[in-house]
Amino acid sequence: MPSDNQFPRVQPGKLPADKLRTLLAGLNQEDPRVIIGPKVGEDASVITFADRCLVITTDPVTFATDRIGWYTVHVNANDIAVMGATPRWLSVVLLLPEHHTTETLIDGIMRDVHDTAQSLGITVCGGHTEITTGLDRPIVIGQMLGEVTRDRLVAKTGLEVGDQIILTQGVAIEGTALLAREKRDVLRGQVTDDVLARAEQFLFDPGISVVGAVRTALEVGSVHAMHDPTEGGLIGGLCELAAASSTGLHLQSDRVPIFPETAAVCRPFKVDPMRLIASGALLIGAPENDTDRIIAALELQNIPAVVIAEVRPAAAGVTIEANGVTLPLQTPDRDAITSVLGH
């Protein structure tokens, strides 16, 4: 029998899209009440109950080592919100390293979970905690549930040819904070102290929550699909959105806003900001006639927004235009941050 060493190892980060697609195809998906099940590009599953839908997501925090309770609540709430649903209930699995766990660490994580959930009106309703062998840092896994009426559900399958894609805030907000916090000592001397301090605070300003932006967009315009790009960054998010809707997309790279702090912390590691983990940004697919109204409403809430892409037929593929040259795009095999953090 061949040994494991004879097969290529899978790299850290999300599973490659083709491998994930194969795995999901083998799952039992016969229950007719599961109207959105496991699929590449989807953030959450949806189960119908009469005229209402239960929206369910699960997301871990694996890259960060500080404020992981804060991360856990927000990244899961984002996945619920982009489906048009209201985040309601959270269960948390807290896995703690055998040799590095103190009561102060545990108390800090759970205080963050409690305070962040409370700020969003979310009830923490269960979970599991344990000291786990083989870990060098704490890992938090959240499972969040939300609800929405059937007629208000926003599925990623809803993009239509001709739609425009709006991006809020800018790319790599989460990645900027992670690099600044996790690689602070490396960046000192290469990035000015004030830029590094601002980058560290990206977790809170602009912040990684898109819940408010989602609510604003849904109030004023016709929204066909939404996505919060996470691992794989903006490029990964756009590819996932196109895959879910079976469409093509054309990205204008010169329209993508990149914060100066993001560029500064990415430069020493030769990281592409558009491929860096990007919680805090929201992708909104909407008809061209509605985009100006949505952008104006977002900006009234101090949420910058800009059209960066348009939806094209599937045969056109997912492409990027940069410096007058158009090239094809594929879902990144791994997030750019994995090469920096060594996970």
Protein backbone atom coordinates (compact mmCIF):
# COMPACT_ATOMS: atom_id res chain seq x y z
CA MET A 1 0.00 0.00 0.00
CA PRO A 2 1.46 3.43 -0.92
CA SER A 3 2.45 5.67 1.97
CA ASP A 4 1.09 9.17 2.53
CA ASN A 5 4.49 10.54 1.54
CA GLN A 6 3.87 9.44 -2.07
CA PHE A 7 0.95 11.89 -2.43
CA PRO A 8 1.24 15.70 -2.60
CA ARG A 9 0.37 17.49 0.62
CA VAL A 10 -2.52 19.93 0.68
CA GLN A 11 -1.38 23.45 1.55
CA PRO A 12 -2.74 25.39 4.56
CA GLY A 13 -5.89 27.45 4.02
CA LYS A 14 -9.14 26.60 2.31
CA LEU A 15 -9.31 23.40 0.31
CA PRO A 16 -8.80 23.95 -3.44
CA ALA A 17 -12.14 24.72 -5.11
CA ASP A 18 -12.05 21.64 -7.37
CA LYS A 19 -11.36 19.32 -4.43
CA LEU A 20 -14.10 20.93 -2.34
CA ARG A 21 -16.57 20.68 -5.22
CA THR A 22 -15.86 16.94 -5.50
CA LEU A 23 -16.30 16.39 -1.76
CA LEU A 24 -19.58 18.31 -1.60
CA ALA A 25 -21.01 16.43 -4.58
CA GLY A 26 -20.93 13.23 -2.52
CA LEU A 27 -23.04 14.58 0.36
CA ASN A 28 -26.67 13.66 0.96
CA GLN A 29 -28.76 16.66 -0.09
CA GLU A 30 -32.22 15.08 -0.37
CA ASP A 31 -34.17 17.11 2.20
CA PRO A 32 -36.36 19.50 0.15
CA ARG A 33 -36.42 22.05 2.96
CA VAL A 34 -32.69 22.64 2.50
CA ILE A 35 -32.99 25.22 -0.26
CA ILE A 36 -29.33 26.29 -0.12
CA GLY A 37 -26.95 23.52 0.79
CA PRO A 38 -23.18 23.04 0.67
CA LYS A 39 -21.78 24.64 -2.45
CA VAL A 40 -18.57 26.33 -3.52
CA GLY A 41 -19.04 30.07 -3.10
CA GLU A 42 -21.82 29.89 -0.53
CA ASP A 43 -21.26 31.26 2.98
CA ALA A 44 -24.28 29.68 4.66
CA SER A 45 -26.99 27.05 4.34
CA VAL A 46 -30.71 27.79 4.36
CA ILE A 47 -33.56 25.66 5.72
CA THR A 48 -37.18 26.70 5.20
CA PHE A 49 -39.84 26.71 7.93
CA ALA A 50 -43.15 27.77 6.39
CA ASP A 51 -42.69 31.40 5.31
CA ARG A 52 -39.40 31.86 7.18
CA CYS A 53 -35.86 30.68 6.59
CA LEU A 54 -33.22 29.58 9.07
CA VAL A 55 -29.77 30.60 7.87
CA ILE A 56 -26.80 28.68 9.30
CA THR A 57 -23.06 29.28 9.03
CA THR A 58 -19.89 27.93 10.64
CA ASP A 59 -16.58 29.75 10.59
CA PRO A 60 -13.36 29.32 12.59
CA VAL A 61 -10.74 31.90 13.52
CA THR A 62 -7.35 30.36 12.78
CA PHE A 63 -5.01 33.14 11.63
CA ALA A 64 -5.39 35.58 14.54
CA THR A 65 -4.05 35.09 18.06
CA ASP A 66 -5.52 38.16 19.76
CA ARG A 67 -9.13 39.45 19.91
CA ILE A 68 -10.26 36.10 18.53
CA GLY A 69 -13.59 36.31 20.35
CA TRP A 70 -14.29 39.57 18.51
CA TYR A 71 -13.31 37.99 15.19
CA THR A 72 -15.50 34.94 15.77
CA VAL A 73 -18.70 36.88 16.29
CA HIS A 74 -18.16 39.29 13.41
CA VAL A 75 -17.05 36.84 10.71
CA ASN A 76 -20.02 34.59 11.43
CA ALA A 77 -22.48 37.50 11.63
CA ASN A 78 -21.21 38.71 8.25
CA ASP A 79 -22.00 35.36 6.65
CA ILE A 80 -25.56 35.50 7.98
CA ALA A 81 -26.11 39.14 7.02
CA VAL A 82 -25.07 38.77 3.38
CA MET A 83 -27.94 36.32 2.93
CA GLY A 84 -30.33 39.11 3.91
CA ALA A 85 -30.90 37.53 7.33
CA THR A 86 -30.64 38.88 10.88
CA PRO A 87 -27.95 37.20 13.03
CA ARG A 88 -29.65 35.76 16.14
CA TRP A 89 -27.94 32.83 17.89
CA LEU A 90 -24.32 31.76 18.35
CA SER A 91 -22.62 28.58 19.58
CA VAL A 92 -18.89 28.68 20.24
CA VAL A 93 -16.28 25.91 20.33
CA LEU A 94 -13.15 27.06 22.15
CA LEU A 95 -10.05 24.87 21.74
CA LEU A 96 -7.19 25.92 23.98
CA PRO A 97 -3.51 24.89 23.82
CA GLU A 98 -2.29 22.48 26.46
CA HIS A 99 0.80 24.41 27.55
CA HIS A 100 -0.14 28.06 26.95
CA THR A 101 -3.56 28.52 28.51
CA THR A 102 -4.23 30.77 31.47
CA GLU A 103 -7.43 31.90 33.12
CA THR A 104 -6.68 35.40 31.84
CA LEU A 105 -6.63 34.09 28.26
CA ILE A 106 -9.92 32.22 28.69
CA ASP A 107 -11.63 35.15 30.40
CA GLY A 108 -10.48 37.56 27.69
CA ILE A 109 -11.77 35.43 24.82
CA MET A 110 -15.15 34.83 26.40
CA ARG A 111 -15.52 38.49 27.40
CA ASP A 112 -14.91 39.46 23.77
CA VAL A 113 -17.48 36.92 22.58
CA HIS A 114 -20.07 38.18 25.08
CA ASP A 115 -19.53 41.91 24.48
CA THR A 116 -19.41 41.63 20.67
CA ALA A 117 -22.48 39.40 20.49
CA GLN A 118 -24.38 41.75 22.78
CA SER A 119 -23.52 44.75 20.60
CA LEU A 120 -25.14 42.99 17.61
CA GLY A 121 -28.17 41.67 19.48
CA ILE A 122 -26.95 38.07 19.23
CA THR A 123 -27.60 35.48 21.96
CA VAL A 124 -24.77 33.07 22.84
CA CYS A 125 -26.75 29.89 23.36
CA GLY A 126 -24.20 27.09 23.72
CA GLY A 127 -20.92 25.58 22.70
CA HIS A 128 -17.98 23.57 23.97
CA THR A 129 -14.62 24.33 25.62
CA GLU A 130 -11.56 22.15 26.13
CA ILE A 131 -7.79 22.09 26.55
CA THR A 132 -6.53 20.36 23.41
CA THR A 133 -3.18 18.66 22.81
CA GLY A 134 -1.21 19.53 19.70
CA LEU A 135 -2.21 23.21 19.52
CA ASP A 136 0.22 26.11 19.75
CA ARG A 137 -2.51 28.79 19.91
CA PRO A 138 -6.22 29.00 20.76
CA ILE A 139 -8.74 28.28 18.02
CA VAL A 140 -12.33 29.48 18.15
CA ILE A 141 -15.07 28.01 15.96
CA GLY A 142 -18.41 29.74 15.76
CA GLN A 143 -21.73 28.45 14.50
CA MET A 144 -24.31 31.17 13.99
CA LEU A 145 -27.98 31.04 13.06
CA GLY A 146 -30.14 33.82 11.70
CA GLU A 147 -33.60 34.22 10.25
CA VAL A 148 -35.24 35.94 7.34
CA THR A 149 -38.58 35.74 5.55
CA ARG A 150 -38.48 33.71 2.35
CA ASP A 151 -39.14 36.76 0.16
CA ARG A 152 -36.20 38.69 1.69
CA LEU A 153 -33.59 35.94 1.31
CA VAL A 154 -30.59 36.99 -0.80
CA ALA A 155 -28.85 34.06 -2.49
CA LYS A 156 -25.52 34.21 -4.29
CA THR A 157 -27.16 32.52 -7.25
CA GLY A 158 -29.02 35.75 -8.01
CA LEU A 159 -26.47 37.65 -10.12
CA GLU A 160 -27.67 38.59 -13.60
CA VAL A 161 -25.67 39.52 -16.68
CA GLY A 162 -25.36 43.31 -16.72
CA ASP A 163 -25.34 43.68 -12.93
CA GLN A 164 -22.63 45.83 -11.41
CA ILE A 165 -20.52 44.82 -8.41
CA ILE A 166 -20.14 47.42 -5.66
CA LEU A 167 -17.27 47.18 -3.17
CA THR A 168 -17.58 48.88 0.21
CA GLN A 169 -14.69 50.29 2.25
CA GLY A 170 -11.64 48.75 0.56
CA VAL A 171 -9.71 45.51 0.30
CA ALA A 172 -7.87 43.54 2.97
CA ILE A 173 -9.13 45.31 6.10
CA GLU A 174 -8.80 42.13 8.15
CA GLY A 175 -5.52 41.21 6.50
CA THR A 176 -4.09 44.64 7.27
CA ALA A 177 -4.93 44.28 10.97
CA LEU A 178 -3.60 40.71 11.07
CA LEU A 179 -0.26 41.60 9.49
CA ALA A 180 0.17 44.63 11.74
CA ARG A 181 -0.72 42.72 14.91
CA GLU A 182 0.90 39.35 14.21
CA LYS A 183 4.04 40.71 12.52
CA ARG A 184 4.47 43.89 14.53
CA ASP A 185 8.15 43.25 15.34
CA VAL A 186 9.04 42.54 11.70
CA LEU A 187 7.26 45.65 10.43
CA ARG A 188 8.84 48.04 12.93
CA GLY A 189 11.57 49.92 11.10
CA GLN A 190 10.00 49.19 7.70
CA VAL A 191 6.71 50.99 8.39
CA THR A 192 6.38 54.22 10.35
CA ASP A 193 5.02 53.93 13.87
CA ASP A 194 1.87 55.95 13.11
CA VAL A 195 1.03 53.87 10.02
CA LEU A 196 1.58 50.64 11.98
CA ALA A 197 -0.62 51.89 14.82
CA ARG A 198 -3.43 52.77 12.40
CA ALA A 199 -3.10 49.40 10.65
CA GLU A 200 -3.42 47.57 13.97
CA GLN A 201 -6.69 49.39 14.60
CA PHE A 202 -8.22 48.34 11.25
CA LEU A 203 -9.93 45.61 13.25
CA PHE A 204 -12.16 48.37 14.66
CA ASP A 205 -11.77 51.26 12.21
CA PRO A 206 -12.88 50.74 9.45
CA GLY A 207 -13.74 47.45 11.21
CA ILE A 208 -14.51 43.96 9.94
CA SER A 209 -18.30 44.01 10.27
CA VAL A 210 -20.48 44.38 7.15
CA VAL A 211 -23.82 44.03 8.95
CA GLY A 212 -24.59 47.76 8.80
CA ALA A 213 -23.63 48.03 5.13
CA VAL A 214 -25.87 45.08 4.26
CA ARG A 215 -28.87 46.63 6.00
CA THR A 216 -28.36 49.95 4.25
CA ALA A 217 -28.06 48.41 0.79
CA LEU A 218 -31.17 46.27 1.25
CA GLU A 219 -33.23 49.26 2.38
CA VAL A 220 -32.68 51.36 -0.73
CA GLY A 221 -32.06 49.15 -3.76
CA SER A 222 -32.63 45.88 -5.55
CA VAL A 223 -29.82 43.60 -4.43
CA HIS A 224 -29.32 40.40 -6.43
CA ALA A 225 -26.42 38.90 -4.48
CA MET A 226 -23.90 39.77 -1.76
CA HIS A 227 -20.65 38.31 -0.52
CA ASP A 228 -18.11 39.19 2.16
CA PRO A 229 -14.72 38.22 0.75
CA THR A 230 -12.58 36.45 3.34
CA GLU A 231 -9.79 33.95 2.56
CA GLY A 232 -8.44 34.55 -0.91
CA GLY A 233 -9.28 38.23 -0.59
CA LEU A 234 -11.15 40.26 -3.19
CA ILE A 235 -10.04 37.98 -6.03
CA GLY A 236 -11.25 34.90 -4.19
CA GLY A 237 -14.53 36.58 -3.28
CA LEU A 238 -15.28 37.60 -6.86
CA CYS A 239 -14.46 34.13 -8.17
CA GLU A 240 -16.71 32.54 -5.53
CA LEU A 241 -19.55 34.92 -6.35
CA ALA A 242 -19.28 34.14 -10.06
CA ALA A 243 -19.13 30.40 -9.36
CA ALA A 244 -22.26 30.51 -7.20
CA SER A 245 -24.23 32.41 -9.86
CA SER A 246 -22.71 30.57 -12.85
CA THR A 247 -21.74 33.88 -14.47
CA GLY A 248 -18.63 35.66 -15.59
CA LEU A 249 -17.22 38.83 -14.01
CA HIS A 250 -14.92 41.57 -15.27
CA LEU A 251 -12.91 43.47 -12.66
CA GLN A 252 -11.41 46.90 -13.26
CA SER A 253 -8.33 46.82 -11.03
CA ASP A 254 -7.78 50.59 -11.11
CA ARG A 255 -11.16 51.09 -9.41
CA VAL A 256 -10.26 48.99 -6.37
CA PRO A 257 -9.54 51.17 -3.32
CA ILE A 258 -6.44 50.12 -1.39
CA PHE A 259 -5.73 51.86 1.92
CA PRO A 260 -2.24 53.39 2.28
CA GLU A 261 -1.84 51.40 5.53
CA THR A 262 -2.67 48.19 3.65
CA ALA A 263 -0.11 48.91 0.94
CA ALA A 264 2.48 49.74 3.60
CA VAL A 265 2.16 46.52 5.61
CA CYS A 266 1.86 44.34 2.49
CA ARG A 267 4.95 45.72 0.75
CA PRO A 268 7.65 44.16 3.00
CA PHE A 269 6.09 40.70 2.54
CA LYS A 270 5.43 41.13 -1.21
CA VAL A 271 1.74 40.41 -0.58
CA ASP A 272 -0.94 41.32 -3.13
CA PRO A 273 -3.66 43.23 -1.20
CA MET A 274 -6.33 41.89 -3.56
CA ARG A 275 -5.50 38.31 -2.51
CA LEU A 276 -5.32 39.01 1.22
CA ILE A 277 -8.05 38.01 3.68
CA ALA A 278 -10.66 40.74 3.41
CA SER A 279 -13.38 40.70 6.10
CA GLY A 280 -14.74 44.25 6.38
CA ALA A 281 -15.40 44.61 2.65
CA LEU A 282 -18.79 43.84 1.13
CA LEU A 283 -19.49 42.87 -2.47
CA ILE A 284 -22.97 43.86 -3.65
CA GLY A 285 -24.38 42.72 -6.98
CA ALA A 286 -27.15 45.01 -8.18
CA PRO A 287 -28.75 46.25 -11.41
CA GLU A 288 -26.97 49.21 -12.97
CA ASN A 289 -30.02 51.45 -12.40
CA ASP A 290 -29.81 50.87 -8.63
CA THR A 291 -26.08 51.21 -8.00
CA ASP A 292 -25.95 55.01 -7.68
CA ARG A 293 -28.77 54.95 -5.12
CA ILE A 294 -27.11 52.19 -3.08
CA ILE A 295 -23.73 53.97 -3.13
CA ALA A 296 -25.30 57.27 -2.06
CA ALA A 297 -27.12 55.61 0.85
CA LEU A 298 -23.94 53.86 1.99
CA GLU A 299 -21.95 57.08 1.88
CA LEU A 300 -24.61 58.80 4.02
CA GLN A 301 -23.69 56.19 6.64
CA ASN A 302 -19.98 57.02 6.17
CA ILE A 303 -19.41 53.77 4.30
CA PRO A 304 -17.35 54.45 1.14
CA ALA A 305 -18.47 52.42 -1.87
CA VAL A 306 -17.55 52.16 -5.55
CA VAL A 307 -18.42 50.02 -8.58
CA ILE A 308 -15.44 47.80 -9.40
CA ALA A 309 -16.80 45.11 -11.73
CA GLU A 310 -19.61 44.05 -14.02
CA VAL A 311 -21.33 40.70 -14.47
CA ARG A 312 -20.84 39.02 -17.84
CA PRO A 313 -22.00 35.73 -19.41
CA ALA A 314 -20.39 32.61 -18.00
CA ALA A 315 -18.55 32.02 -21.28
CA ALA A 316 -16.59 35.25 -20.71
CA GLY A 317 -15.07 33.84 -17.51
CA VAL A 318 -13.74 35.87 -14.59
CA THR A 319 -11.26 38.47 -15.80
CA ILE A 320 -9.26 41.43 -14.54
CA GLU A 321 -8.23 44.51 -16.50
CA ALA A 322 -5.02 46.20 -15.42
CA ASN A 323 -3.05 48.80 -17.40
CA GLY A 324 -5.17 48.14 -20.47
CA VAL A 325 -4.51 44.38 -20.41
CA THR A 326 -7.23 41.82 -19.64
CA LEU A 327 -6.21 38.55 -17.98
CA PRO A 328 -8.18 35.56 -16.64
CA LEU A 329 -8.65 35.08 -12.90
CA GLN A 330 -8.99 31.90 -10.87
CA THR A 331 -9.84 31.32 -7.22
CA PRO A 332 -6.56 31.53 -5.29
CA ASP A 333 -5.43 28.17 -3.92
CA ARG A 334 -4.60 29.80 -0.58
CA ASP A 335 -4.77 33.18 1.05
CA ALA A 336 -1.71 35.37 0.70
CA ILE A 337 -1.43 35.63 4.50
CA THR A 338 -0.60 31.93 4.91
CA SER A 339 2.85 32.45 3.40
CA VAL A 340 3.52 35.23 5.93
CA LEU A 341 2.15 33.66 9.10
CA GLY A 342 3.50 30.22 8.25
CA HIS A 343 0.25 28.36 8.92
